[in-house]
Each structure stands twice: as structure tokens, then as C-alpha cells.
Amino acid sequence: MNPFKYGQVVRAGDFCPRPQLLKEIRGFIASGQNIVIQGERRIGKTSLIHEAVRSVRRTRILYVDLLEIKTADALCKRIAKAIIASENQDGFLERIFKKLSQLKPSVSVDPLTGQPTISFDPAVRLQPDSIEGLLDIIASTHKRKSVVVVFDEFQDILNLKDCREALALLRGKIQFQTNVPYIFAGSIRNKMDEIFNDPDSAFFKSAIPLTVGPLDRKRFGSFLQEKFALGKRHIDPAAIQRLFEIAVDISGDIQQLCEALWEITSYKDQITDENIPKAMSLIFARESKGYESILVLLTGQQLRCLVGLAKLDGVTPQSKAFLQAVGIHLPGSVKKALNRTEKLKIIFQYQGKYRFVNPFFKAWLAYRDF
């Protein structure tokens, strides 16, 4: 079986250790300290958090994913679902259903996955003030068995029309739950900074910050070699370094590329950087429909700017060389095009430079003729 996993939480043997960060997070959990964890998308934040909680005895996780949250009603219902999911593990589902009776919760089995799914009466619309009652339920469950509350993609709470009220209500309750550790994870740094570093924010300096950066290349390289060795495959160190470069040291993207390398090679193969283009082609074939759907959203000028970023890696977008290459005369036009693609979450700015959210889409743009 292919040992490389991506796009999901990995645990135990599939998790490449981060000893120092794990030690710090476990210590904060033990002391009931709230923490904010930031890092790039697919860098491994969620897996790190789950692994840290898993390693703390008699402690469970209450995980709330706020990705693309849009309304206070959705926020409250996601918290409620997380409470139910957590309580279901310990057989206290009936008790929680009574506490959430106003939502008219129900549990059914997904016919495709066979997994239980939780739903609420769509006619019941929750307002921000429902947050307080939900956090009271969390506090009561913590008294019975220690729980760590994780809000993942926490920056997306800013999408709410009444986000300031929601943040104030959350903070108002959390600050008195001194024994319940809360972890706020996020991947868009400027938004997380707005929540935790802006003096006008309710969450200003309310949690200890931790940054999840790239894995140590030597440690991660050995981890990947061991995975390939499960199929008696040997990967050259130079090829591993090339994987790191293509995926810009993002562990999830590196694992995806390794998964493709495993698929295009065989038992006892020697894997070199010459195998990488074929693995990239496999990724392109799998994801091309998604790439093409992105192109539909773009104007010709926006596409030219993205192709320029992909092919002229490192060249300043407002430079004369970039303008000539993309066929656009005014730097302001380039800036406007890039702002639009940034809003579409195709690119983002990191340390003063534009980077692609998906490095394989970048490679596809550079590979194709437009």
C-alpha cells in the first residue's frame, strides 16, 4: 500500500515528529494555557495539534473547523456538532442532545461512508449570543473529562458580518474558563494578526503564539526515505532535495508528490530526480479539471500575470522585465490583476513576495503554453 498520506490528519507512524513543538504544546495543555498556532497551509498544523492532544493522558479533543465560515448561525452549529462528536465518544450523547434540544439535533448514517452525521433543524437560526451557552456546555464537559478545544482556520471568523460581536462573546467566556485549554490555529497571517495583535481586538494578546514552520530537511528526508523503503524503493538524496524545492518545504505538498512518485515506480526501484517529471504529470492529470476551473475565473490579463509569476520565479512583478514578459505596460495594471488573484486565493504574499497556494498549479502554468 502507498504509505504517503496528504490532505488529511496523520497520526502515529504517519506523523513526522516535531519534538520541540510537541513538548511545548503538551506543556501548555497541561497548564490550561491558551495558544495560537500559525503556519502556512498544509504545513502540518492540524496533525501536530491532534498528535499533541493524543499524547496527553486522559485528554480528548473538541475540534471545530471554521474553514469558510460565513454566518454566526453556522459558527454556533459547528461548535454544537463538535460538542456532540466529542461526547459521542464517551456515551454521553443523550445528555448533550437534551442541552441542545432547541436545535432539534438528529443523527443519521451517511449511505456512502457509513459514518454517523449530525444535523440540525434548518429552521432554527442561531445568533452570536448562543455562543455563551455552547461554551458553558464545553466547560461542564471538561469537569467530567479533560478536553482541549481547537478552533482550526480561526481567521475565517472574520468573514462573519458580526465578527466583532462573536469574538467578544467568545473571549468573554473563554477568559473565565481558566482550566480549559483553547488552541486557535490559522494559516492567513495578516488575519490572525488582526485578531490577536490588534489592540482593538477582543482577543488582543489572549494566547501564547507558536509558529509552525517547515520540517527540518534532514529529519523529514530520513522520514521519507524510510517510507519509500517499505516498498524496497530507494530515493536519492538529490531527488528529495528537489521535492523540497518544488513544494517550497510545505510538508503536505511534499507528501503529495511522494505519493505520486510511489505510484509511478515499482518494487526495488531506484528513484532519482528524473522520475519527478512523470510524477508531476500524474498530479496534473488528477488535478487538471480543478486547474481549468480556476482559469474560467480569470481575465486574460490576470492569467498572463499568473503565468509570468510561474515562469519568472523571483522576478519582481512591477519590474520592466516582468512587464515586458507578460505584455502589460502599466505596473498598476499588474498590481490590480495580482490583487484579484490574491482575493481568489490563488496566490498570497509571504515575506514581501508572491507565492502560489498550490505549487503544482504553478508548475502546470509554467508547463502549459498560453
Protein backbone atom coordinates (compact mmCIF):
# COMPACT_ATOMS: atom_id res chain seq x y z
CA MET A 1 0.00 0.00 0.00
CA ASN A 2 1.11 3.54 -0.73
CA PRO A 3 2.43 4.86 2.63
CA PHE A 4 2.21 8.54 1.79
CA LYS A 5 -0.84 10.43 3.04
CA TYR A 6 -1.84 14.01 2.38
CA GLY A 7 -4.95 16.17 2.66
CA GLN A 8 -5.90 14.54 5.96
CA VAL A 9 -4.85 14.42 9.59
CA VAL A 10 -1.98 11.96 10.05
CA ARG A 11 -1.15 10.20 13.29
CA ALA A 12 1.41 7.92 14.92
CA GLY A 13 3.73 6.37 12.30
CA ASP A 14 2.43 8.63 9.54
CA PHE A 15 3.37 11.72 11.55
CA CYS A 16 6.90 13.07 11.17
CA PRO A 17 7.89 14.09 14.72
CA ARG A 18 8.37 17.71 15.77
CA PRO A 19 9.76 17.03 19.28
CA GLN A 20 10.21 20.60 20.47
CA LEU A 21 6.80 21.84 19.33
CA LEU A 22 5.07 18.74 20.70
CA LYS A 23 6.75 19.29 24.06
CA GLU A 24 5.70 22.95 24.17
CA ILE A 25 2.08 22.25 23.21
CA ARG A 26 1.77 19.42 25.73
CA GLY A 27 3.11 21.73 28.43
CA PHE A 28 0.59 24.44 27.58
CA ILE A 29 -2.25 21.90 27.57
CA ALA A 30 -1.21 20.61 30.99
CA SER A 31 -1.23 24.15 32.44
CA GLY A 32 -4.53 25.14 30.81
CA GLN A 33 -2.82 27.82 28.73
CA ASN A 34 -4.46 29.12 25.56
CA ILE A 35 -2.24 29.18 22.49
CA VAL A 36 -2.45 30.49 18.94
CA ILE A 37 -0.69 28.39 16.30
CA GLN A 38 0.14 29.94 12.94
CA GLY A 39 1.71 28.46 9.85
CA GLU A 40 1.25 28.12 6.13
CA ARG A 41 -1.50 25.96 4.69
CA ARG A 42 -0.64 22.24 4.53
CA ILE A 43 2.41 22.73 6.75
CA GLY A 44 1.00 20.20 9.25
CA LYS A 45 -0.61 22.35 11.96
CA THR A 46 -3.74 20.23 12.38
CA SER A 47 -1.83 16.93 12.53
CA LEU A 48 0.59 18.46 15.04
CA ILE A 49 -2.27 19.56 17.29
CA HIS A 50 -4.03 16.19 17.13
CA GLU A 51 -0.78 14.37 17.87
CA ALA A 52 -0.05 16.64 20.84
CA VAL A 53 -3.52 16.11 22.35
CA ARG A 54 -3.38 12.37 21.66
CA SER A 55 -0.17 12.11 23.65
CA VAL A 56 -1.69 13.72 26.78
CA ARG A 57 -3.26 11.07 29.00
CA ARG A 58 -6.98 11.19 29.79
CA THR A 59 -7.50 14.16 27.46
CA ARG A 60 -9.69 14.39 24.38
CA ILE A 61 -10.02 16.91 21.60
CA LEU A 62 -13.05 19.02 20.77
CA TYR A 63 -12.27 20.08 17.22
CA VAL A 64 -14.12 22.94 15.48
CA ASP A 65 -13.22 23.66 11.85
CA LEU A 66 -14.11 27.23 10.87
CA LEU A 67 -12.92 26.99 7.27
CA GLU A 68 -15.03 29.30 5.06
CA ILE A 69 -17.44 30.09 7.89
CA LYS A 70 -19.91 32.78 6.79
CA THR A 71 -22.58 33.29 9.45
CA ALA A 72 -22.98 33.30 13.23
CA ASP A 73 -25.57 30.53 12.82
CA ALA A 74 -23.00 28.32 11.07
CA LEU A 75 -20.39 29.14 13.73
CA CYS A 76 -22.69 28.09 16.57
CA LYS A 77 -23.80 24.92 14.80
CA ARG A 78 -20.23 23.87 14.08
CA ILE A 79 -19.41 24.29 17.76
CA ALA A 80 -22.52 22.28 18.65
CA LYS A 81 -21.56 19.49 16.22
CA ALA A 82 -18.07 19.37 17.72
CA ILE A 83 -19.55 19.03 21.21
CA ILE A 84 -21.83 16.19 20.09
CA ALA A 85 -18.99 14.41 18.27
CA SER A 86 -16.79 14.66 21.36
CA GLU A 87 -19.49 13.47 23.74
CA ASN A 88 -20.50 10.59 21.46
CA GLN A 89 -17.08 9.05 22.08
CA ASP A 90 -17.86 8.73 25.80
CA GLY A 91 -21.50 7.71 25.58
CA PHE A 92 -22.99 10.97 26.82
CA LEU A 93 -24.82 11.75 23.61
CA GLU A 94 -28.31 11.70 25.13
CA ARG A 95 -27.33 14.22 27.80
CA ILE A 96 -25.89 16.63 25.22
CA PHE A 97 -28.94 16.25 22.98
CA LYS A 98 -31.08 17.47 25.87
CA LYS A 99 -28.87 20.52 26.37
CA LEU A 100 -29.08 21.29 22.64
CA SER A 101 -32.75 20.45 22.29
CA GLN A 102 -33.60 23.90 20.88
CA LEU A 103 -31.56 22.99 17.78
CA LYS A 104 -33.53 19.77 17.27
CA PRO A 105 -30.40 17.69 16.59
CA SER A 106 -30.58 14.35 14.81
CA VAL A 107 -28.06 11.66 13.92
CA SER A 108 -28.20 9.64 10.72
CA VAL A 109 -25.84 7.36 8.83
CA ASP A 110 -24.26 8.54 5.61
CA PRO A 111 -25.20 5.92 2.98
CA LEU A 112 -21.90 6.36 1.15
CA THR A 113 -19.41 6.38 4.03
CA GLY A 114 -21.38 4.50 6.67
CA GLN A 115 -20.34 7.20 9.16
CA PRO A 116 -22.78 8.96 11.50
CA THR A 117 -23.70 12.50 10.51
CA ILE A 118 -25.21 15.19 12.73
CA SER A 119 -27.77 17.69 11.51
CA PHE A 120 -29.96 20.40 13.00
CA ASP A 121 -33.35 21.81 12.11
CA PRO A 122 -32.58 24.35 9.34
CA ALA A 123 -35.50 26.49 10.51
CA VAL A 124 -33.65 27.22 13.76
CA ARG A 125 -31.29 30.18 13.21
CA LEU A 126 -28.77 30.93 15.92
CA GLN A 127 -27.42 34.36 16.78
CA PRO A 128 -23.99 35.24 18.22
CA ASP A 129 -25.30 35.25 21.79
CA SER A 130 -25.81 31.47 21.52
CA ILE A 131 -22.01 31.18 21.79
CA GLU A 132 -22.14 31.72 25.54
CA GLY A 133 -24.43 28.75 26.17
CA LEU A 134 -22.33 26.49 23.97
CA LEU A 135 -19.13 27.38 25.80
CA ASP A 136 -20.91 26.73 29.10
CA ILE A 137 -21.61 23.19 27.85
CA ILE A 138 -17.92 22.81 26.98
CA ALA A 139 -16.93 23.90 30.49
CA SER A 140 -19.32 21.36 32.04
CA THR A 141 -17.96 18.51 29.92
CA HIS A 142 -14.41 19.46 30.89
CA LYS A 143 -15.26 18.89 34.55
CA ARG A 144 -16.04 15.25 33.74
CA LYS A 145 -13.07 14.60 31.47
CA SER A 146 -10.31 16.95 30.34
CA VAL A 147 -10.90 18.45 26.92
CA VAL A 148 -8.79 20.59 24.62
CA VAL A 149 -10.84 22.90 22.40
CA VAL A 150 -9.35 23.52 18.97
CA PHE A 151 -10.63 26.21 16.62
CA ASP A 152 -8.98 25.50 13.27
CA GLU A 153 -8.78 28.11 10.48
CA PHE A 154 -9.78 30.59 13.15
CA GLN A 155 -9.04 33.58 10.90
CA ASP A 156 -12.19 32.80 8.89
CA ILE A 157 -14.33 34.04 11.79
CA LEU A 158 -13.59 37.48 10.33
CA ASN A 159 -15.89 36.54 7.43
CA LEU A 160 -18.88 36.97 9.75
CA LYS A 161 -20.84 40.18 9.37
CA ASP A 162 -20.99 40.41 13.16
CA CYS A 163 -17.47 39.05 13.75
CA ARG A 164 -16.57 41.65 16.39
CA GLU A 165 -19.58 40.64 18.49
CA ALA A 166 -18.79 36.94 18.04
CA LEU A 167 -15.16 37.46 19.06
CA ALA A 168 -16.20 39.50 22.10
CA LEU A 169 -18.64 36.80 23.22
CA LEU A 170 -16.07 34.05 22.73
CA ARG A 171 -13.42 35.97 24.62
CA GLY A 172 -15.86 36.90 27.38
CA LYS A 173 -16.44 33.23 28.19
CA ILE A 174 -13.00 31.81 27.44
CA GLN A 175 -11.17 34.19 29.78
CA PHE A 176 -13.04 32.69 32.75
CA GLN A 177 -12.55 29.06 31.70
CA THR A 178 -9.06 29.03 33.13
CA ASN A 179 -8.76 25.24 33.26
CA VAL A 180 -9.88 24.60 29.67
CA PRO A 181 -7.02 24.98 27.15
CA TYR A 182 -8.07 26.57 23.86
CA ILE A 183 -5.96 26.30 20.72
CA PHE A 184 -6.56 28.73 17.86
CA ALA A 185 -4.94 27.63 14.61
CA GLY A 186 -4.75 29.73 11.47
CA SER A 187 -2.96 29.96 8.14
CA ILE A 188 -3.51 33.52 6.92
CA ARG A 189 -1.11 35.53 8.99
CA ASN A 190 -2.42 39.04 8.43
CA LYS A 191 -5.90 37.98 9.54
CA MET A 192 -4.62 36.10 12.58
CA ASP A 193 -2.56 39.18 13.47
CA GLU A 194 -5.71 41.28 13.21
CA ILE A 195 -7.37 39.03 15.80
CA PHE A 196 -4.51 38.52 18.25
CA ASN A 197 -2.20 41.52 17.81
CA ASP A 198 -4.59 44.42 17.20
CA PRO A 199 -5.18 46.35 20.47
CA ASP A 200 -8.80 46.93 19.41
CA SER A 201 -9.49 43.20 19.11
CA ALA A 202 -11.21 41.29 21.94
CA PHE A 203 -8.52 38.60 21.58
CA PHE A 204 -5.57 41.01 21.82
CA LYS A 205 -2.66 39.08 23.40
CA SER A 206 -5.06 36.49 24.77
CA ALA A 207 -2.98 33.42 23.80
CA ILE A 208 0.68 32.44 23.60
CA PRO A 209 1.82 32.44 19.95
CA LEU A 210 3.56 29.48 18.34
CA THR A 211 4.73 29.26 14.74
CA VAL A 212 4.80 26.01 12.76
CA GLY A 213 7.46 26.28 10.09
CA PRO A 214 8.88 23.76 7.62
CA LEU A 215 10.12 20.46 8.96
CA ASP A 216 13.87 20.10 9.33
CA ARG A 217 15.00 18.82 5.93
CA LYS A 218 17.37 16.23 7.36
CA ARG A 219 14.76 14.78 9.71
CA PHE A 220 11.98 14.88 7.12
CA GLY A 221 14.24 13.48 4.41
CA SER A 222 15.04 10.45 6.58
CA PHE A 223 11.33 10.03 7.33
CA LEU A 224 10.53 9.99 3.58
CA GLN A 225 13.36 7.56 2.82
CA GLU A 226 12.00 5.17 5.44
CA LYS A 227 8.55 5.36 3.86
CA PHE A 228 9.92 4.55 0.39
CA ALA A 229 11.93 1.70 1.91
CA LEU A 230 8.66 0.00 2.90
CA GLY A 231 8.35 -0.90 -0.78
CA LYS A 232 12.09 -1.60 -1.15
CA ARG A 233 12.35 1.64 -3.11
CA HIS A 234 15.39 3.83 -2.65
CA ILE A 235 15.20 7.56 -3.31
CA ASP A 236 18.35 9.57 -3.96
CA PRO A 237 19.09 12.44 -1.55
CA ALA A 238 19.27 14.79 -4.56
CA ALA A 239 15.72 13.81 -5.53
CA ILE A 240 14.49 14.52 -2.01
CA GLN A 241 16.08 17.97 -2.12
CA ARG A 242 14.31 18.58 -5.44
CA LEU A 243 10.97 17.64 -3.84
CA PHE A 244 11.57 20.21 -1.11
CA GLU A 245 12.31 22.88 -3.72
CA ILE A 246 9.23 22.17 -5.86
CA ALA A 247 6.89 22.09 -2.85
CA VAL A 248 8.60 25.04 -1.13
CA ASP A 249 9.12 22.93 2.03
CA ILE A 250 5.37 22.52 2.61
CA SER A 251 5.07 19.05 4.15
CA GLY A 252 1.58 18.27 2.79
CA ASP A 253 2.62 19.11 -0.77
CA ILE A 254 5.83 17.10 -0.39
CA GLN A 255 3.80 14.09 0.74
CA GLN A 256 1.51 14.50 -2.27
CA LEU A 257 4.48 14.46 -4.62
CA CYS A 258 5.92 11.42 -2.83
CA GLU A 259 2.57 9.64 -3.18
CA ALA A 260 2.72 10.24 -6.94
CA LEU A 261 6.35 9.05 -7.09
CA TRP A 262 5.33 5.83 -5.35
CA GLU A 263 2.55 5.28 -7.89
CA ILE A 264 4.78 5.69 -10.95
CA THR A 265 7.60 3.49 -9.61
CA SER A 266 7.85 -0.19 -8.71
CA TYR A 267 9.23 -2.53 -6.08
CA LYS A 268 13.02 -2.15 -5.64
CA ASP A 269 13.21 0.86 -7.98
CA GLN A 270 15.93 3.46 -7.60
CA ILE A 271 14.17 6.84 -7.59
CA THR A 272 16.06 9.83 -8.95
CA ASP A 273 15.11 13.36 -9.92
CA GLU A 274 14.50 12.00 -13.43
CA ASN A 275 11.35 10.33 -12.08
CA ILE A 276 9.90 13.59 -10.81
CA PRO A 277 8.51 14.94 -14.12
CA LYS A 278 6.42 11.77 -14.56
CA ALA A 279 5.10 12.11 -11.00
CA MET A 280 4.22 15.74 -11.71
CA SER A 281 2.37 14.65 -14.85
CA LEU A 282 0.30 12.26 -12.74
CA ILE A 283 -0.62 15.11 -10.39
CA PHE A 284 -1.51 17.31 -13.39
CA ALA A 285 -3.75 14.58 -14.80
CA ARG A 286 -5.56 14.22 -11.48
CA GLU A 287 -5.98 17.94 -10.87
CA SER A 288 -6.31 19.41 -14.36
CA LYS A 289 -10.10 19.84 -14.11
CA GLY A 290 -9.62 21.91 -10.98
CA TYR A 291 -6.91 23.98 -12.66
CA GLU A 292 -9.15 24.59 -15.66
CA SER A 293 -11.99 25.74 -13.39
CA ILE A 294 -9.62 28.37 -11.98
CA LEU A 295 -8.85 29.65 -15.48
CA VAL A 296 -12.55 30.32 -16.05
CA LEU A 297 -12.45 32.87 -13.23
CA LEU A 298 -9.59 34.85 -14.74
CA THR A 299 -9.33 37.63 -17.28
CA GLY A 300 -6.63 37.40 -19.93
CA GLN A 301 -4.52 39.95 -18.09
CA GLN A 302 -4.82 38.10 -14.79
CA LEU A 303 -3.82 34.85 -16.47
CA ARG A 304 -0.79 36.47 -18.08
CA CYS A 305 0.33 37.77 -14.71
CA LEU A 306 -0.01 34.34 -13.11
CA VAL A 307 1.90 32.67 -15.94
CA GLY A 308 4.56 35.35 -15.52
CA LEU A 309 4.84 34.63 -11.81
CA ALA A 310 5.13 30.91 -12.56
CA LYS A 311 7.75 31.21 -15.29
CA LEU A 312 9.72 34.20 -13.98
CA ASP A 313 10.06 32.97 -10.42
CA GLY A 314 11.85 35.60 -8.37
CA VAL A 315 11.36 38.47 -10.81
CA THR A 316 9.59 41.47 -9.23
CA PRO A 317 6.11 41.82 -10.80
CA GLN A 318 6.46 45.59 -11.19
CA SER A 319 9.87 45.34 -12.86
CA LYS A 320 10.47 46.21 -16.51
CA ALA A 321 11.48 42.62 -17.28
CA PHE A 322 8.20 41.26 -15.88
CA LEU A 323 6.06 43.85 -17.69
CA GLN A 324 7.73 43.04 -21.00
CA ALA A 325 7.38 39.29 -20.47
CA VAL A 326 3.63 39.44 -19.72
CA GLY A 327 2.87 42.12 -22.30
CA ILE A 328 1.40 44.65 -19.88
CA HIS A 329 2.56 48.27 -19.99
CA LEU A 330 1.49 49.68 -16.62
CA PRO A 331 2.70 48.42 -13.21
CA GLY A 332 -0.68 49.45 -11.77
CA SER A 333 -2.44 47.02 -14.10
CA VAL A 334 -0.23 44.19 -12.88
CA LYS A 335 -0.91 45.14 -9.27
CA LYS A 336 -4.66 45.17 -9.89
CA ALA A 337 -4.53 41.76 -11.59
CA LEU A 338 -2.49 40.24 -8.76
CA ASN A 339 -4.80 41.71 -6.12
CA ARG A 340 -7.71 39.95 -7.81
CA THR A 341 -5.94 36.58 -7.94
CA GLU A 342 -4.93 37.02 -4.31
CA LYS A 343 -8.60 37.50 -3.37
CA LEU A 344 -9.37 34.32 -5.27
CA LYS A 345 -6.79 32.58 -3.02
CA ILE A 346 -4.65 31.51 -5.96
CA ILE A 347 -1.61 33.39 -4.69
CA PHE A 348 -0.62 35.02 -1.42
CA GLN A 349 2.12 37.30 -0.18
CA TYR A 350 4.83 35.88 2.05
CA GLN A 351 7.83 37.89 3.24
CA GLY A 352 7.20 40.51 0.58
CA LYS A 353 6.92 38.05 -2.32
CA TYR A 354 4.02 36.42 -4.15
CA ARG A 355 3.68 32.66 -3.78
CA PHE A 356 1.18 30.19 -5.18
CA VAL A 357 -1.20 28.50 -2.77
CA ASN A 358 -0.80 25.33 -4.84
CA PRO A 359 2.77 24.79 -6.11
CA PHE A 360 1.54 22.19 -8.59
CA PHE A 361 -0.80 24.71 -10.21
CA LYS A 362 2.22 26.98 -10.54
CA ALA A 363 4.18 24.18 -12.23
CA TRP A 364 1.22 23.43 -14.51
CA LEU A 365 1.03 27.06 -15.62
CA ALA A 366 4.75 27.07 -16.37
CA TYR A 367 4.43 23.78 -18.26
CA ARG A 368 1.48 24.79 -20.42
CA ASP A 369 1.54 27.15 -23.41
CA PHE A 370 -0.92 30.03 -23.08
